[in-house]
PDB file of N, CA and C in Angstrom:
ATOM      1  N   UNK A   1     -52.793  -6.184  24.507  1.00  0.00           N
ATOM      2  CA  UNK A   1     -53.092  -6.641  23.130  1.00  0.00           C
ATOM      3  C   UNK A   1     -52.786  -8.088  23.246  1.00  0.00           C
ATOM      4  N   UNK A   2     -53.893  -8.862  22.419  1.00  0.00           N
ATOM      5  CA  UNK A   2     -53.795 -10.188  22.401  1.00  0.00           C
ATOM      6  C   UNK A   2     -53.735 -10.600  21.209  1.00  0.00           C
ATOM      7  N   UNK A   3     -53.398 -11.932  20.984  1.00  0.00           N
ATOM      8  CA  UNK A   3     -53.206 -12.691  19.944  1.00  0.00           C
ATOM      9  C   UNK A   3     -53.604 -14.234  19.981  1.00  0.00           C
ATOM     10  N   UNK A   4     -54.076 -14.647  19.145  1.00  0.00           N
ATOM     11  CA  UNK A   4     -54.538 -16.183  18.922  1.00  0.00           C
ATOM     12  C   UNK A   4     -54.207 -16.719  17.600  1.00  0.00           C
ATOM     13  N   UNK A   5     -53.755 -18.088  17.386  1.00  0.00           N
ATOM     14  CA  UNK A   5     -53.526 -18.633  16.336  1.00  0.00           C
ATOM     15  C   UNK A   5     -54.523 -19.556  15.994  1.00  0.00           C
ATOM     16  N   UNK A   6     -55.118 -19.466  14.752  1.00  0.00           N
ATOM     17  CA  UNK A   6     -56.468 -20.035  14.160  1.00  0.00           C
ATOM     18  C   UNK A   6     -56.061 -20.678  12.804  1.00  0.00           C
ATOM     19  N   UNK A   7     -56.685 -21.923  12.785  1.00  0.00           N
ATOM     20  CA  UNK A   7     -56.612 -22.268  11.357  1.00  0.00           C
ATOM     21  C   UNK A   7     -57.954 -22.222  10.417  1.00  0.00           C
ATOM     22  N   UNK A   8     -58.012 -22.223   9.274  1.00  0.00           N
ATOM     23  CA  UNK A   8     -59.516 -22.252   8.549  1.00  0.00           C
ATOM     24  C   UNK A   8     -59.714 -23.229   8.480  1.00  0.00           C
ATOM     25  N   UNK A   9     -60.847 -23.752   8.871  1.00  0.00           N
ATOM     26  CA  UNK A   9     -61.259 -25.312   8.866  1.00  0.00           C
ATOM     27  C   UNK A   9     -62.295 -25.597   7.764  1.00  0.00           C
ATOM     28  N   UNK A  10     -63.191 -24.575   7.542  1.00  0.00           N
ATOM     29  CA  UNK A  10     -64.219 -25.132   6.671  1.00  0.00           C
ATOM     30  C   UNK A  10     -63.859 -25.160   5.240  1.00  0.00           C
ATOM     31  N   UNK A  11     -64.587 -25.916   4.299  1.00  0.00           N
ATOM     32  CA  UNK A  11     -64.176 -26.190   2.945  1.00  0.00           C
ATOM     33  C   UNK A  11     -64.089 -24.921   2.373  1.00  0.00           C
ATOM     34  N   UNK A  12     -64.837 -24.126   2.356  1.00  0.00           N
ATOM     35  CA  UNK A  12     -64.868 -22.894   1.246  1.00  0.00           C
ATOM     36  C   UNK A  12     -64.005 -21.757   1.794  1.00  0.00           C
ATOM     37  N   UNK A  13     -63.374 -21.862   2.877  1.00  0.00           N
ATOM     38  CA  UNK A  13     -62.317 -21.064   3.352  1.00  0.00           C
ATOM     39  C   UNK A  13     -63.126 -19.697   3.894  1.00  0.00           C
ATOM     40  N   UNK A  14     -62.371 -18.701   3.676  1.00  0.00           N
ATOM     41  CA  UNK A  14     -62.916 -17.175   4.301  1.00  0.00           C
ATOM     42  C   UNK A  14     -63.594 -16.702   3.166  1.00  0.00           C
ATOM     43  N   UNK A  15     -64.803 -17.065   2.480  1.00  0.00           N
ATOM     44  CA  UNK A  15     -65.221 -16.806   1.625  1.00  0.00           C
ATOM     45  C   UNK A  15     -66.430 -15.723   1.719  1.00  0.00           C
ATOM     46  N   UNK A  16     -67.383 -15.571   1.026  1.00  0.00           N
ATOM     47  CA  UNK A  16     -68.085 -14.181   1.432  1.00  0.00           C
ATOM     48  C   UNK A  16     -69.194 -14.380   2.453  1.00  0.00           C
ATOM     49  N   UNK A  17     -70.019 -15.405   2.674  1.00  0.00           N
ATOM     50  CA  UNK A  17     -70.501 -15.677   3.955  1.00  0.00           C
ATOM     51  C   UNK A  17     -70.047 -15.565   5.042  1.00  0.00           C
ATOM     52  N   UNK A  18     -68.775 -16.402   5.176  1.00  0.00           N
ATOM     53  CA  UNK A  18     -67.996 -16.538   6.316  1.00  0.00           C
ATOM     54  C   UNK A  18     -67.204 -15.029   6.657  1.00  0.00           C
ATOM     55  N   UNK A  19     -66.762 -14.349   5.627  1.00  0.00           N
ATOM     56  CA  UNK A  19     -66.338 -13.189   6.182  1.00  0.00           C
ATOM     57  C   UNK A  19     -67.324 -12.251   6.401  1.00  0.00           C
ATOM     58  N   UNK A  20     -68.438 -12.283   6.176  1.00  0.00           N
ATOM     59  CA  UNK A  20     -69.806 -11.509   6.676  1.00  0.00           C
ATOM     60  C   UNK A  20     -69.859 -11.547   7.731  1.00  0.00           C
ATOM     61  N   UNK A  21     -69.870 -13.039   8.207  1.00  0.00           N
ATOM     62  CA  UNK A  21     -70.217 -13.256   9.484  1.00  0.00           C
ATOM     63  C   UNK A  21     -69.103 -12.826  10.672  1.00  0.00           C
ATOM     64  N   UNK A  22     -67.898 -12.848  10.148  1.00  0.00           N
ATOM     65  CA  UNK A  22     -67.085 -12.273  10.922  1.00  0.00           C
ATOM     66  C   UNK A  22     -66.792 -10.907  11.267  1.00  0.00           C
ATOM     67  N   UNK A  23     -67.262 -10.302  10.031  1.00  0.00           N
ATOM     68  CA  UNK A  23     -67.337  -8.624  10.310  1.00  0.00           C
ATOM     69  C   UNK A  23     -68.251  -8.208  11.057  1.00  0.00           C
ATOM     70  N   UNK A  24     -69.538  -9.187  11.100  1.00  0.00           N
ATOM     71  CA  UNK A  24     -70.882  -8.816  11.905  1.00  0.00           C
ATOM     72  C   UNK A  24     -70.144  -8.703  13.443  1.00  0.00           C
ATOM     73  N   UNK A  25     -69.421 -10.030  13.738  1.00  0.00           N
ATOM     74  CA  UNK A  25     -69.184 -10.350  14.819  1.00  0.00           C
ATOM     75  C   UNK A  25     -68.036  -9.367  15.407  1.00  0.00           C
ATOM     76  N   UNK A  26     -67.094  -9.094  14.620  1.00  0.00           N
ATOM     77  CA  UNK A  26     -65.818  -7.936  14.868  1.00  0.00           C
ATOM     78  C   UNK A  26     -66.694  -6.626  15.098  1.00  0.00           C
ATOM     79  N   UNK A  27     -67.496  -6.256  14.481  1.00  0.00           N
ATOM     80  CA  UNK A  27     -68.155  -4.778  14.858  1.00  0.00           C
ATOM     81  C   UNK A  27     -68.737  -4.460  15.759  1.00  0.00           C
ATOM     82  N   UNK A  28     -69.062  -5.732  16.679  1.00  0.00           N
ATOM     83  CA  UNK A  28     -69.822  -5.599  18.213  1.00  0.00           C
ATOM     84  C   UNK A  28     -68.625  -5.030  19.097  1.00  0.00           C
ATOM     85  N   UNK A  29     -67.457  -5.259  18.693  1.00  0.00           N
ATOM     86  CA  UNK A  29     -66.484  -4.898  19.601  1.00  0.00           C
ATOM     87  C   UNK A  29     -65.809  -3.524  19.308  1.00  0.00           C
ATOM     88  N   UNK A  30     -65.339  -2.736  20.597  1.00  0.00           N
ATOM     89  CA  UNK A  30     -64.818  -1.195  20.186  1.00  0.00           C
ATOM     90  C   UNK A  30     -63.293  -1.827  19.861  1.00  0.00           C
ATOM     91  N   UNK A  31     -62.584  -2.852  20.020  1.00  0.00           N
ATOM     92  CA  UNK A  31     -61.320  -3.020  19.902  1.00  0.00           C
ATOM     93  C   UNK A  31     -60.850  -3.250  18.225  1.00  0.00           C
ATOM     94  N   UNK A  32     -59.747  -2.910  18.028  1.00  0.00           N
ATOM     95  CA  UNK A  32     -59.238  -3.147  16.678  1.00  0.00           C
ATOM     96  C   UNK A  32     -58.890  -4.898  16.570  1.00  0.00           C
ATOM     97  N   UNK A  33     -59.419  -4.964  15.462  1.00  0.00           N
ATOM     98  CA  UNK A  33     -59.113  -6.609  15.164  1.00  0.00           C
ATOM     99  C   UNK A  33     -58.393  -6.911  13.747  1.00  0.00           C
ATOM    100  N   UNK A  34     -57.300  -7.494  13.652  1.00  0.00           N
ATOM    101  CA  UNK A  34     -56.635  -7.910  12.665  1.00  0.00           C
ATOM    102  C   UNK A  34     -56.249  -9.355  12.399  1.00  0.00           C
ATOM    103  N   UNK A  35     -56.518  -9.779  11.212  1.00  0.00           N
ATOM    104  CA  UNK A  35     -56.224 -11.311  10.966  1.00  0.00           C
ATOM    105  C   UNK A  35     -54.862 -10.970   9.893  1.00  0.00           C
ATOM    106  N   UNK A  36     -53.936 -12.084  10.357  1.00  0.00           N
ATOM    107  CA  UNK A  36     -52.850 -11.963   9.313  1.00  0.00           C
ATOM    108  C   UNK A  36     -52.722 -13.372   8.834  1.00  0.00           C
ATOM    109  N   UNK A  37     -52.237 -13.743   7.716  1.00  0.00           N
ATOM    110  CA  UNK A  37     -51.933 -14.696   7.101  1.00  0.00           C
ATOM    111  C   UNK A  37     -50.738 -15.038   7.533  1.00  0.00           C
ATOM    112  N   UNK A  38     -50.310 -16.233   8.150  1.00  0.00           N
ATOM    113  CA  UNK A  38     -49.065 -16.559   8.457  1.00  0.00           C
ATOM    114  C   UNK A  38     -48.123 -17.330   7.184  1.00  0.00           C
ATOM    115  N   UNK A  39     -48.753 -17.442   6.113  1.00  0.00           N
ATOM    116  CA  UNK A  39     -47.945 -18.128   5.009  1.00  0.00           C
ATOM    117  C   UNK A  39     -47.356 -16.874   4.281  1.00  0.00           C
ATOM    118  N   UNK A  40     -47.998 -15.800   4.253  1.00  0.00           N
ATOM    119  CA  UNK A  40     -47.460 -14.851   3.284  1.00  0.00           C
ATOM    120  C   UNK A  40     -47.438 -13.276   3.946  1.00  0.00           C
ATOM    121  N   UNK A  41     -47.980 -13.488   5.156  1.00  0.00           N
ATOM    122  CA  UNK A  41     -47.829 -11.842   5.915  1.00  0.00           C
ATOM    123  C   UNK A  41     -49.219 -10.892   5.553  1.00  0.00           C
ATOM    124  N   UNK A  42     -50.058 -11.276   4.370  1.00  0.00           N
ATOM    125  CA  UNK A  42     -51.140 -10.512   4.252  1.00  0.00           C
ATOM    126  C   UNK A  42     -52.135 -10.119   5.521  1.00  0.00           C
ATOM    127  N   UNK A  43     -52.353  -8.972   5.765  1.00  0.00           N
ATOM    128  CA  UNK A  43     -53.156  -8.868   6.781  1.00  0.00           C
ATOM    129  C   UNK A  43     -54.411  -8.058   6.341  1.00  0.00           C
ATOM    130  N   UNK A  44     -55.328  -8.145   7.366  1.00  0.00           N
ATOM    131  CA  UNK A  44     -56.796  -7.734   6.925  1.00  0.00           C
ATOM    132  C   UNK A  44     -57.582  -7.032   8.241  1.00  0.00           C
ATOM    133  N   UNK A  45     -58.278  -6.041   8.241  1.00  0.00           N
ATOM    134  CA  UNK A  45     -59.039  -5.221   9.081  1.00  0.00           C
ATOM    135  C   UNK A  45     -60.217  -6.199   9.308  1.00  0.00           C
ATOM    136  N   UNK A  46     -60.797  -7.020  10.549  1.00  0.00           N
ATOM    137  CA  UNK A  46     -61.539  -7.861  10.537  1.00  0.00           C
ATOM    138  C   UNK A  46     -63.132  -7.405  10.580  1.00  0.00           C
ATOM    139  N   UNK A  47     -62.992  -6.032  10.344  1.00  0.00           N
ATOM    140  CA  UNK A  47     -64.156  -5.180  10.365  1.00  0.00           C
ATOM    141  C   UNK A  47     -64.653  -4.624   8.814  1.00  0.00           C
ATOM    142  N   UNK A  48     -63.746  -5.187   7.983  1.00  0.00           N
ATOM    143  CA  UNK A  48     -63.834  -4.849   6.680  1.00  0.00           C
ATOM    144  C   UNK A  48     -64.124  -5.978   5.849  1.00  0.00           C
ATOM    145  N   UNK A  49     -65.110  -6.075   4.976  1.00  0.00           N
ATOM    146  CA  UNK A  49     -65.336  -7.483   4.490  1.00  0.00           C
ATOM    147  C   UNK A  49     -64.518  -7.315   3.165  1.00  0.00           C
ATOM    148  N   UNK A  50     -64.239  -6.427   2.413  1.00  0.00           N
ATOM    149  CA  UNK A  50     -63.448  -6.305   1.345  1.00  0.00           C
ATOM    150  C   UNK A  50     -62.031  -6.492   1.695  1.00  0.00           C
ATOM    151  N   UNK A  51     -61.492  -5.935   2.993  1.00  0.00           N
ATOM    152  CA  UNK A  51     -60.091  -6.519   3.452  1.00  0.00           C
ATOM    153  C   UNK A  51     -59.916  -7.975   3.717  1.00  0.00           C
ATOM    154  N   UNK A  52     -61.129  -8.567   4.205  1.00  0.00           N
ATOM    155  CA  UNK A  52     -60.926  -9.938   4.255  1.00  0.00           C
ATOM    156  C   UNK A  52     -61.070 -10.811   3.035  1.00  0.00           C
ATOM    157  N   UNK A  53     -61.937 -10.461   2.356  1.00  0.00           N
ATOM    158  CA  UNK A  53     -61.873 -11.084   0.943  1.00  0.00           C
ATOM    159  C   UNK A  53     -60.576 -11.179   0.199  1.00  0.00           C
ATOM    160  N   UNK A  54     -59.886  -9.782   0.224  1.00  0.00           N
ATOM    161  CA  UNK A  54     -58.533  -9.577  -0.441  1.00  0.00           C
ATOM    162  C   UNK A  54     -57.767 -10.616  -0.020  1.00  0.00           C
ATOM    163  N   UNK A  55     -57.660 -11.043   1.303  1.00  0.00           N
ATOM    164  CA  UNK A  55     -56.567 -11.765   1.559  1.00  0.00           C
ATOM    165  C   UNK A  55     -56.729 -13.303   1.023  1.00  0.00           C
ATOM    166  N   UNK A  56     -58.202 -13.762   0.989  1.00  0.00           N
ATOM    167  CA  UNK A  56     -57.994 -15.079   0.076  1.00  0.00           C
ATOM    168  C   UNK A  56     -57.688 -16.245   1.175  1.00  0.00           C
ATOM    169  N   UNK A  57     -58.253 -16.242   2.100  1.00  0.00           N
ATOM    170  CA  UNK A  57     -57.520 -17.306   3.167  1.00  0.00           C
ATOM    171  C   UNK A  57     -58.559 -18.783   2.733  1.00  0.00           C
ATOM    172  N   UNK A  58     -57.996 -19.786   2.136  1.00  0.00           N
ATOM    173  CA  UNK A  58     -58.669 -21.063   1.974  1.00  0.00           C
ATOM    174  C   UNK A  58     -58.353 -21.862   3.018  1.00  0.00           C
ATOM    175  N   UNK A  59     -59.223 -23.030   3.022  1.00  0.00           N
ATOM    176  CA  UNK A  59     -58.985 -24.176   3.926  1.00  0.00           C
ATOM    177  C   UNK A  59     -57.766 -24.273   4.254  1.00  0.00           C
ATOM    178  N   UNK A  60     -57.250 -24.437   5.480  1.00  0.00           N
ATOM    179  CA  UNK A  60     -56.018 -24.751   6.037  1.00  0.00           C
ATOM    180  C   UNK A  60     -55.040 -23.855   6.344  1.00  0.00           C
ATOM    181  N   UNK A  61     -55.212 -22.629   5.768  1.00  0.00           N
ATOM    182  CA  UNK A  61     -54.474 -21.367   6.265  1.00  0.00           C
ATOM    183  C   UNK A  61     -54.292 -21.336   7.549  1.00  0.00           C
ATOM    184  N   UNK A  62     -53.107 -20.880   8.104  1.00  0.00           N
ATOM    185  CA  UNK A  62     -52.945 -20.357   9.440  1.00  0.00           C
ATOM    186  C   UNK A  62     -52.849 -18.993   9.523  1.00  0.00           C
ATOM    187  N   UNK A  63     -53.755 -18.627  10.317  1.00  0.00           N
ATOM    188  CA  UNK A  63     -53.746 -17.022  10.646  1.00  0.00           C
ATOM    189  C   UNK A  63     -53.451 -16.481  12.179  1.00  0.00           C
ATOM    190  N   UNK A  64     -53.041 -15.450  12.164  1.00  0.00           N
ATOM    191  CA  UNK A  64     -53.034 -14.723  13.721  1.00  0.00           C
ATOM    192  C   UNK A  64     -54.070 -13.751  13.736  1.00  0.00           C
ATOM    193  N   UNK A  65     -54.555 -13.886  14.877  1.00  0.00           N
ATOM    194  CA  UNK A  65     -55.722 -13.035  15.292  1.00  0.00           C
ATOM    195  C   UNK A  65     -55.107 -12.100  15.919  1.00  0.00           C
ATOM    196  N   UNK A  66     -54.979 -10.520  15.995  1.00  0.00           N
ATOM    197  CA  UNK A  66     -54.551  -9.699  16.845  1.00  0.00           C
ATOM    198  C   UNK A  66     -55.625  -8.689  17.207  1.00  0.00           C
ATOM    199  N   UNK A  67     -55.849  -8.544  18.508  1.00  0.00           N
ATOM    200  CA  UNK A  67     -56.780  -7.630  18.828  1.00  0.00           C
ATOM    201  C   UNK A  67     -56.284  -6.654  20.045  1.00  0.00           C
ATOM    202  N   UNK A  68     -56.684  -5.288  19.874  1.00  0.00           N
ATOM    203  CA  UNK A  68     -56.190  -4.554  20.982  1.00  0.00           C
ATOM    204  C   UNK A  68     -57.393  -3.374  21.108  1.00  0.00           C
ATOM    205  N   UNK A  69     -57.667  -3.523  22.481  1.00  0.00           N
ATOM    206  CA  UNK A  69     -58.537  -2.245  22.875  1.00  0.00           C
ATOM    207  C   UNK A  69     -59.301  -2.746  24.296  1.00  0.00           C
ATOM    208  N   UNK A  70     -60.503  -1.962  24.893  1.00  0.00           N
ATOM    209  CA  UNK A  70     -61.276  -2.165  25.910  1.00  0.00           C
ATOM    210  C   UNK A  70     -61.577  -3.454  25.969  1.00  0.00           C
ATOM    211  N   UNK A  71     -62.244  -4.034  24.804  1.00  0.00           N
ATOM    212  CA  UNK A  71     -63.074  -5.146  25.122  1.00  0.00           C
ATOM    213  C   UNK A  71     -62.273  -6.395  24.470  1.00  0.00           C
ATOM    214  N   UNK A  72     -60.891  -6.563  24.362  1.00  0.00           N
ATOM    215  CA  UNK A  72     -59.878  -7.336  23.865  1.00  0.00           C
ATOM    216  C   UNK A  72     -60.382  -8.699  24.181  1.00  0.00           C
ATOM    217  N   UNK A  73     -60.297  -9.153  25.553  1.00  0.00           N
ATOM    218  CA  UNK A  73     -60.657 -10.641  25.990  1.00  0.00           C
ATOM    219  C   UNK A  73     -61.638 -11.056  25.305  1.00  0.00           C
ATOM    220  N   UNK A  74     -63.103 -10.603  25.416  1.00  0.00           N
ATOM    221  CA  UNK A  74     -64.356 -10.992  24.764  1.00  0.00           C
ATOM    222  C   UNK A  74     -64.103 -10.970  23.100  1.00  0.00           C
ATOM    223  N   UNK A  75     -63.404 -10.103  22.705  1.00  0.00           N
ATOM    224  CA  UNK A  75     -63.419  -9.874  21.137  1.00  0.00           C
ATOM    225  C   UNK A  75     -62.733 -11.215  20.717  1.00  0.00           C
ATOM    226  N   UNK A  76     -61.380 -11.488  21.357  1.00  0.00           N
ATOM    227  CA  UNK A  76     -60.584 -12.487  20.876  1.00  0.00           C
ATOM    228  C   UNK A  76     -61.413 -13.817  20.867  1.00  0.00           C
ATOM    229  N   UNK A  77     -61.847 -13.996  21.883  1.00  0.00           N
ATOM    230  CA  UNK A  77     -62.723 -15.072  22.544  1.00  0.00           C
ATOM    231  C   UNK A  77     -63.725 -15.512  21.497  1.00  0.00           C
ATOM    232  N   UNK A  78     -64.441 -14.634  21.039  1.00  0.00           N
ATOM    233  CA  UNK A  78     -65.585 -14.604  20.214  1.00  0.00           C
ATOM    234  C   UNK A  78     -64.889 -14.935  18.673  1.00  0.00           C
ATOM    235  N   UNK A  79     -64.073 -14.247  18.362  1.00  0.00           N
ATOM    236  CA  UNK A  79     -63.522 -14.178  16.908  1.00  0.00           C
ATOM    237  C   UNK A  79     -62.869 -15.702  16.848  1.00  0.00           C
ATOM    238  N   UNK A  80     -61.977 -16.090  17.757  1.00  0.00           N
ATOM    239  CA  UNK A  80     -61.531 -17.422  17.854  1.00  0.00           C
ATOM    240  C   UNK A  80     -62.331 -18.525  17.855  1.00  0.00           C
ATOM    241  N   UNK A  81     -63.226 -18.389  18.188  1.00  0.00           N
ATOM    242  CA  UNK A  81     -64.528 -19.403  18.534  1.00  0.00           C
ATOM    243  C   UNK A  81     -65.194 -19.733  17.076  1.00  0.00           C
ATOM    244  N   UNK A  82     -65.405 -18.337  16.434  1.00  0.00           N
ATOM    245  CA  UNK A  82     -65.743 -18.756  14.799  1.00  0.00           C
ATOM    246  C   UNK A  82     -65.083 -19.458  14.198  1.00  0.00           C
ATOM    247  N   UNK A  83     -63.639 -19.372  14.135  1.00  0.00           N
ATOM    248  CA  UNK A  83     -63.005 -20.169  13.347  1.00  0.00           C
ATOM    249  C   UNK A  83     -62.890 -21.666  13.765  1.00  0.00           C
ATOM    250  N   UNK A  84     -62.932 -21.888  15.174  1.00  0.00           N
ATOM    251  CA  UNK A  84     -62.768 -23.263  15.644  1.00  0.00           C
ATOM    252  C   UNK A  84     -64.324 -23.830  15.335  1.00  0.00           C
ATOM    253  N   UNK A  85     -65.438 -23.263  15.189  1.00  0.00           N
ATOM    254  CA  UNK A  85     -66.833 -23.982  14.656  1.00  0.00           C
ATOM    255  C   UNK A  85     -66.805 -23.914  13.167  1.00  0.00           C
ATOM    256  N   UNK A  86     -65.720 -23.369  12.581  1.00  0.00           N
ATOM    257  CA  UNK A  86     -65.848 -23.455  10.833  1.00  0.00           C
ATOM    258  C   UNK A  86     -66.861 -22.562  10.450  1.00  0.00           C
ATOM    259  N   UNK A  87     -67.137 -21.601  11.068  1.00  0.00           N
ATOM    260  CA  UNK A  87     -68.072 -20.395  10.933  1.00  0.00           C
ATOM    261  C   UNK A  87     -69.826 -21.048  10.505  1.00  0.00           C
ATOM    262  N   UNK A  88     -69.613 -22.203  11.270  1.00  0.00           N
ATOM    263  CA  UNK A  88     -71.126 -22.908  11.297  1.00  0.00           C
ATOM    264  C   UNK A  88     -71.372 -23.974  10.188  1.00  0.00           C
ATOM    265  N   UNK A  89     -70.323 -24.323   9.463  1.00  0.00           N
ATOM    266  CA  UNK A  89     -70.292 -24.878   8.147  1.00  0.00           C
ATOM    267  C   UNK A  89     -69.697 -26.495   8.313  1.00  0.00           C
ATOM    268  N   UNK A  90     -69.033 -26.783   9.568  1.00  0.00           N
ATOM    269  CA  UNK A  90     -68.625 -28.107   9.621  1.00  0.00           C
ATOM    270  C   UNK A  90     -69.654 -29.060   9.907  1.00  0.00           C
TER     271      UNK A  90
END
């Protein structure tokens, strides 16, 4: 299992387009990928757009990415990079 802490940096937060981009990336991996808001503990399956939208992560929210599976190293690197790059919106 691997974990990483990230901050939502894009102005609109984890809105529909960003969530869809995250889901597309997450589904490339066989590992389970979970995002958890650090402020309220709400968590989401990164492979489910409805789950991601439900946690309503706005700009500035700190999140923990938890990845477990055969390709966890590649998965966490890719997901973390999406957040660092602001989902291409910065």
